[in-house]
Every structure is written in structure tokens, then in C-alpha cells.
Amino acid sequence: MIKNIFFDLDGTLNDSSIGIIKAVKYALKNFDIEIEDKTFLRRYIGPPLVDCFMEFNNLNREQAEKALFFYREYYNVVGKFENAVYDGIKPMLKDLKEKGIRLFVATSKPEDVMNDIVSHFELREYFDGVYGASLDSKRNKKTMVIKYALEESRVNPSESVMVGDHKHDVNGAKDNGLKSVAVTYGYGDQEELKNSQPDYMVDTVKELRELLFSLI
């Protein structure tokens, strides 16, 4: 029986693609790199950005960290609000909370930015805790964020599930003893999601709602 649900943010609760893509393009422009392929740019949504800049753009770590600085210049002021909560998410959260389920956010997004987004889009009332990455990058991998969230919330991993749209969410859940739900309506590669072997996989918010209520 599931008593606690941890949600990723981008691509799971909200569609943040516009702001993130604009911020990535702004950051890369400082390195004379221009990418117009929207499908490719969506790959930056979810994973730690320093890793993305190194893997996708062949930047070294120092350059990638500088790119992250430029990214934040745009995103932390404008991009974080170029965002929308997926249809059906708020009613689902409201109904789960009324059932006595403890709800949390666990995201690789920095905590200060994540808190601004959760508050701006009126989601905070549904959550017992919101946990994100640290600005010093010491806690930026999803496994680390989930571990931190579990420590802070003091919940039993065996009674908990992680919901996310990337393989990092699935692997982070496994590393910390949680069950996992992969959502395909977000930004993760569907083949990678399937290969990460989540406990459950859903294609829509409606299917996610039905699954979570069957688990509680």
C-alpha cells in the first residue's frame, strides 16, 4: 500500500518546455552554438544541465558550469514562469491529499527556483515537502535528491512511489528503495524509459490518476 508519492516537476506536473528551451538557447549562444531542432532541445529538460552541456555540446566541465550560469541568467528571471501545469494535475493532487496521502516534489531543479514555480502556480498547498538540487551542484543527481527528500520527510521508502518522466527518476527510485511510475507524456525518451524498467508506465495524466488511486 502506497502512503507517500514523490513527483518530479518538469514534464510530470508541468509543461516547462518553453522557458527551459529559451534559457538553453540563451546559454549556448554565449558559446556561439545555435540549435533550432526543438526535438533535440527537449533533451535538456529534466537531467542535470551541466551533464547535458558536456554530453550534447562537447563542453568541458568549466565551460558547462559557465553555460549553467548563463542559463540561470535567463531562466531564474523570466523562463521559470514560461510554464503551465498539465490539465488534470491539480484535481488529482487535491483528491490524493484528501485521501490522506502525503505528497512531495523531488526534482533536479534548484530548490529556490522550484519553490518559486510551486508557489507561482498555486501548487504548494498540496505538498507536505518540496525538495530540489543544491546550487553548489553537490546534490544535483536525482538519486541524491530523492535520498535527501526521504531523509527530510522521514517516510518509509517501501510505502512510497516516485513519479517522473525520465530514466533518472526511475533509477533514482530504485537506488533509494521506492517503486517507480514513468510517465510518457513528458520529455523523457520513451525507449530509455522502457529500458529503465519502471514498476509502472502510463501515457496520460488520466492514466496516472487511475494508477495512483489503485495503489493507495
Protein backbone atom coordinates (compact mmCIF):
# COMPACT_ATOMS: atom_id res chain seq x y z
CA MET A 1 0.00 0.00 0.00
CA ILE A 2 1.37 3.39 -1.02
CA LYS A 3 1.18 6.20 1.55
CA ASN A 4 3.67 8.67 0.06
CA ILE A 5 4.07 9.95 -3.50
CA PHE A 6 7.10 11.89 -4.80
CA PHE A 7 6.64 13.80 -8.04
CA ASP A 8 9.21 15.13 -10.47
CA LEU A 9 8.33 18.66 -11.63
CA ASP A 10 9.21 19.37 -15.29
CA GLY A 11 7.39 17.04 -17.65
CA THR A 12 5.44 15.40 -14.83
CA LEU A 13 3.43 18.11 -13.11
CA ASN A 14 4.00 20.95 -15.54
CA ASP A 15 4.95 21.75 -19.12
CA SER A 16 8.06 23.88 -18.73
CA SER A 17 9.47 23.40 -22.21
CA ILE A 18 9.17 27.00 -23.47
CA GLY A 19 11.15 28.60 -20.66
CA ILE A 20 13.81 25.90 -20.45
CA ILE A 21 14.42 25.79 -24.20
CA LYS A 22 14.73 29.57 -24.39
CA ALA A 23 17.19 29.54 -21.49
CA VAL A 24 19.27 26.73 -23.05
CA LYS A 25 19.46 28.62 -26.35
CA TYR A 26 20.46 31.79 -24.49
CA ALA A 27 23.23 29.90 -22.66
CA LEU A 28 24.60 28.20 -25.77
CA LYS A 29 24.57 31.43 -27.78
CA ASN A 30 27.35 32.63 -25.46
CA PHE A 31 29.47 29.79 -26.89
CA ASP A 32 28.45 30.55 -30.48
CA ILE A 33 26.33 27.40 -30.52
CA GLU A 34 22.90 27.68 -32.12
CA ILE A 35 20.39 24.81 -32.10
CA GLU A 36 16.94 25.14 -33.67
CA ASP A 37 15.85 21.49 -33.55
CA LYS A 38 13.10 21.53 -30.89
CA THR A 39 13.15 17.75 -30.53
CA PHE A 40 16.86 17.87 -29.72
CA LEU A 41 16.41 20.82 -27.34
CA ARG A 42 13.81 18.90 -25.34
CA ARG A 43 16.61 16.52 -24.30
CA TYR A 44 17.87 19.23 -21.93
CA ILE A 45 14.66 19.12 -19.90
CA GLY A 46 14.97 17.00 -16.78
CA PRO A 47 18.59 15.80 -16.45
CA PRO A 48 21.31 17.87 -14.71
CA LEU A 49 22.19 20.64 -17.17
CA VAL A 50 25.95 20.57 -16.64
CA ASP A 51 25.89 16.93 -17.79
CA CYS A 52 23.74 17.88 -20.79
CA PHE A 53 26.07 20.69 -21.90
CA MET A 54 29.05 18.33 -21.64
CA GLU A 55 27.38 15.41 -23.41
CA PHE A 56 25.38 17.22 -26.09
CA ASN A 57 27.69 20.16 -26.84
CA ASN A 58 31.16 18.79 -26.07
CA LEU A 59 31.83 21.46 -23.45
CA ASN A 60 34.34 20.69 -20.74
CA ARG A 61 33.18 20.92 -17.11
CA GLU A 62 34.37 24.51 -16.64
CA GLN A 63 32.59 25.60 -19.81
CA ALA A 64 29.45 23.62 -18.87
CA GLU A 65 29.29 25.28 -15.47
CA LYS A 66 29.65 28.67 -17.16
CA ALA A 67 26.83 27.70 -19.53
CA LEU A 68 24.72 26.87 -16.47
CA PHE A 69 25.44 30.39 -15.16
CA PHE A 70 24.18 31.90 -18.41
CA TYR A 71 21.15 29.57 -18.38
CA ARG A 72 20.21 30.83 -14.92
CA GLU A 73 20.58 34.45 -16.06
CA TYR A 74 17.54 33.94 -18.29
CA TYR A 75 15.64 31.17 -16.55
CA ASN A 76 15.71 32.48 -12.99
CA VAL A 77 14.20 35.81 -14.04
CA VAL A 78 11.86 35.04 -16.95
CA GLY A 79 11.98 31.39 -18.03
CA LYS A 80 10.72 29.82 -14.81
CA PHE A 81 7.32 31.45 -15.37
CA GLU A 82 7.07 30.41 -19.06
CA ASN A 83 5.35 27.33 -17.80
CA ALA A 84 1.92 25.67 -17.36
CA VAL A 85 0.52 22.96 -15.10
CA TYR A 86 -0.79 19.97 -17.08
CA ASP A 87 -4.57 19.62 -17.25
CA GLY A 88 -5.85 17.30 -14.54
CA ILE A 89 -2.86 17.61 -12.22
CA LYS A 90 -4.40 19.95 -9.62
CA PRO A 91 -7.63 17.93 -9.21
CA MET A 92 -5.55 14.73 -8.89
CA LEU A 93 -3.32 16.25 -6.21
CA LYS A 94 -6.33 17.64 -4.33
CA ASP A 95 -8.09 14.27 -4.32
CA LEU A 96 -4.97 12.34 -3.28
CA LYS A 97 -4.38 14.74 -0.39
CA GLU A 98 -8.00 14.39 0.74
CA LYS A 99 -7.39 10.64 0.87
CA GLY A 100 -4.61 11.25 3.40
CA ILE A 101 -1.72 10.54 1.03
CA ARG A 102 1.45 12.53 1.72
CA LEU A 103 2.67 14.29 -1.42
CA PHE A 104 6.15 15.63 -2.18
CA VAL A 105 8.12 17.20 -5.03
CA ALA A 106 11.60 15.79 -5.74
CA THR A 107 13.31 17.47 -8.69
CA SER A 108 16.80 18.14 -10.04
CA LYS A 109 15.79 21.78 -10.40
CA PRO A 110 17.46 24.09 -7.81
CA GLU A 111 15.33 24.44 -4.70
CA ASP A 112 14.96 28.21 -4.83
CA VAL A 113 13.67 28.19 -8.42
CA MET A 114 11.47 25.17 -7.76
CA ASN A 115 9.90 26.89 -4.75
CA ASP A 116 9.13 29.97 -6.88
CA ILE A 117 7.40 27.81 -9.51
CA VAL A 118 5.40 25.75 -7.00
CA SER A 119 4.19 28.93 -5.31
CA HIS A 120 3.52 30.89 -8.52
CA PHE A 121 1.34 28.13 -9.97
CA GLU A 122 -0.51 27.59 -6.67
CA LEU A 123 0.69 24.03 -6.09
CA ARG A 124 2.26 24.42 -2.66
CA GLU A 125 -0.94 23.69 -0.71
CA TYR A 126 -0.92 20.11 -1.99
CA PHE A 127 2.59 19.18 -0.85
CA ASP A 128 4.00 18.15 2.51
CA GLY A 129 7.51 18.93 1.28
CA VAL A 130 9.33 20.22 -1.81
CA TYR A 131 12.92 19.09 -2.39
CA GLY A 132 15.37 20.03 -5.11
CA ALA A 133 19.01 20.28 -6.08
CA SER A 134 21.53 22.43 -4.24
CA LEU A 135 23.05 25.42 -6.04
CA ASP A 136 26.60 24.14 -5.43
CA SER A 137 25.83 21.04 -7.57
CA LYS A 138 26.71 18.70 -4.69
CA ARG A 139 23.11 17.45 -4.77
CA ASN A 140 22.13 17.51 -8.43
CA LYS A 141 21.63 13.86 -9.41
CA LYS A 142 18.10 12.51 -8.96
CA THR A 143 19.35 9.69 -6.72
CA MET A 144 20.83 12.31 -4.35
CA VAL A 145 17.69 14.46 -4.43
CA ILE A 146 15.42 11.50 -3.60
CA LYS A 147 17.75 10.40 -0.79
CA TYR A 148 17.65 13.93 0.62
CA ALA A 149 13.85 14.06 0.27
CA LEU A 150 13.47 10.76 2.13
CA GLU A 151 15.76 11.91 4.92
CA GLU A 152 13.92 15.21 5.32
CA SER A 153 10.40 13.78 5.07
CA ARG A 154 11.20 10.71 7.22
CA VAL A 155 8.88 8.44 5.27
CA ASN A 156 9.23 4.73 4.66
CA PRO A 157 10.62 4.05 1.14
CA SER A 158 8.73 0.76 0.96
CA GLU A 159 5.46 2.72 1.28
CA SER A 160 6.46 5.29 -1.33
CA VAL A 161 6.50 5.78 -5.09
CA MET A 162 8.40 8.17 -7.37
CA VAL A 163 6.62 9.58 -10.43
CA GLY A 164 8.71 11.05 -13.24
CA ASP A 165 9.28 11.31 -16.97
CA HIS A 166 12.99 10.39 -17.20
CA LYS A 167 15.10 7.30 -16.66
CA HIS A 168 16.83 9.31 -13.91
CA ASP A 169 13.58 9.28 -11.93
CA VAL A 170 13.23 5.51 -12.32
CA ASN A 171 16.86 4.80 -11.48
CA GLY A 172 16.80 7.24 -8.56
CA ALA A 173 13.73 5.48 -7.18
CA LYS A 174 15.43 2.08 -7.45
CA ASP A 175 18.58 3.38 -5.78
CA ASN A 176 16.50 4.51 -2.80
CA GLY A 177 14.10 1.58 -2.48
CA LEU A 178 10.98 3.24 -3.94
CA LYS A 179 8.62 1.93 -6.57
CA SER A 180 8.56 4.00 -9.76
CA VAL A 181 5.97 5.28 -12.20
CA ALA A 182 7.21 6.50 -15.59
CA VAL A 183 5.02 8.98 -17.46
CA THR A 184 5.46 9.12 -21.23
CA TYR A 185 3.65 12.46 -21.72
CA GLY A 186 6.73 14.36 -20.51
CA TYR A 187 10.17 14.91 -22.01
CA GLY A 188 11.98 11.61 -21.48
CA ASP A 189 12.92 9.29 -24.32
CA GLN A 190 10.28 6.54 -24.36
CA GLU A 191 12.74 3.80 -25.28
CA GLU A 192 15.09 4.84 -22.46
CA LEU A 193 12.13 4.94 -20.07
CA LYS A 194 11.06 1.45 -21.05
CA ASN A 195 14.61 0.10 -20.79
CA SER A 196 14.97 1.55 -17.29
CA GLN A 197 12.24 -0.92 -16.27
CA PRO A 198 9.89 1.18 -14.13
CA ASP A 199 7.35 -0.64 -11.98
CA TYR A 200 4.55 1.12 -13.85
CA MET A 201 4.25 3.16 -17.05
CA VAL A 202 1.42 5.49 -18.09
CA ASP A 203 0.76 7.68 -21.12
CA THR A 204 -1.61 10.36 -19.80
CA VAL A 205 -2.47 12.28 -16.63
CA LYS A 206 -5.78 10.41 -16.58
CA GLU A 207 -3.96 7.06 -16.58
CA LEU A 208 -1.61 8.34 -13.88
CA ARG A 209 -4.56 9.28 -11.69
CA GLU A 210 -6.19 5.89 -12.14
CA LEU A 211 -2.95 4.06 -11.34
CA LEU A 212 -2.12 6.06 -8.22
CA PHE A 213 -5.60 5.61 -6.79
CA SER A 214 -5.30 1.86 -7.37
CA LEU A 215 -2.06 1.80 -5.35
CA ILE A 216 -3.21 3.69 -2.26
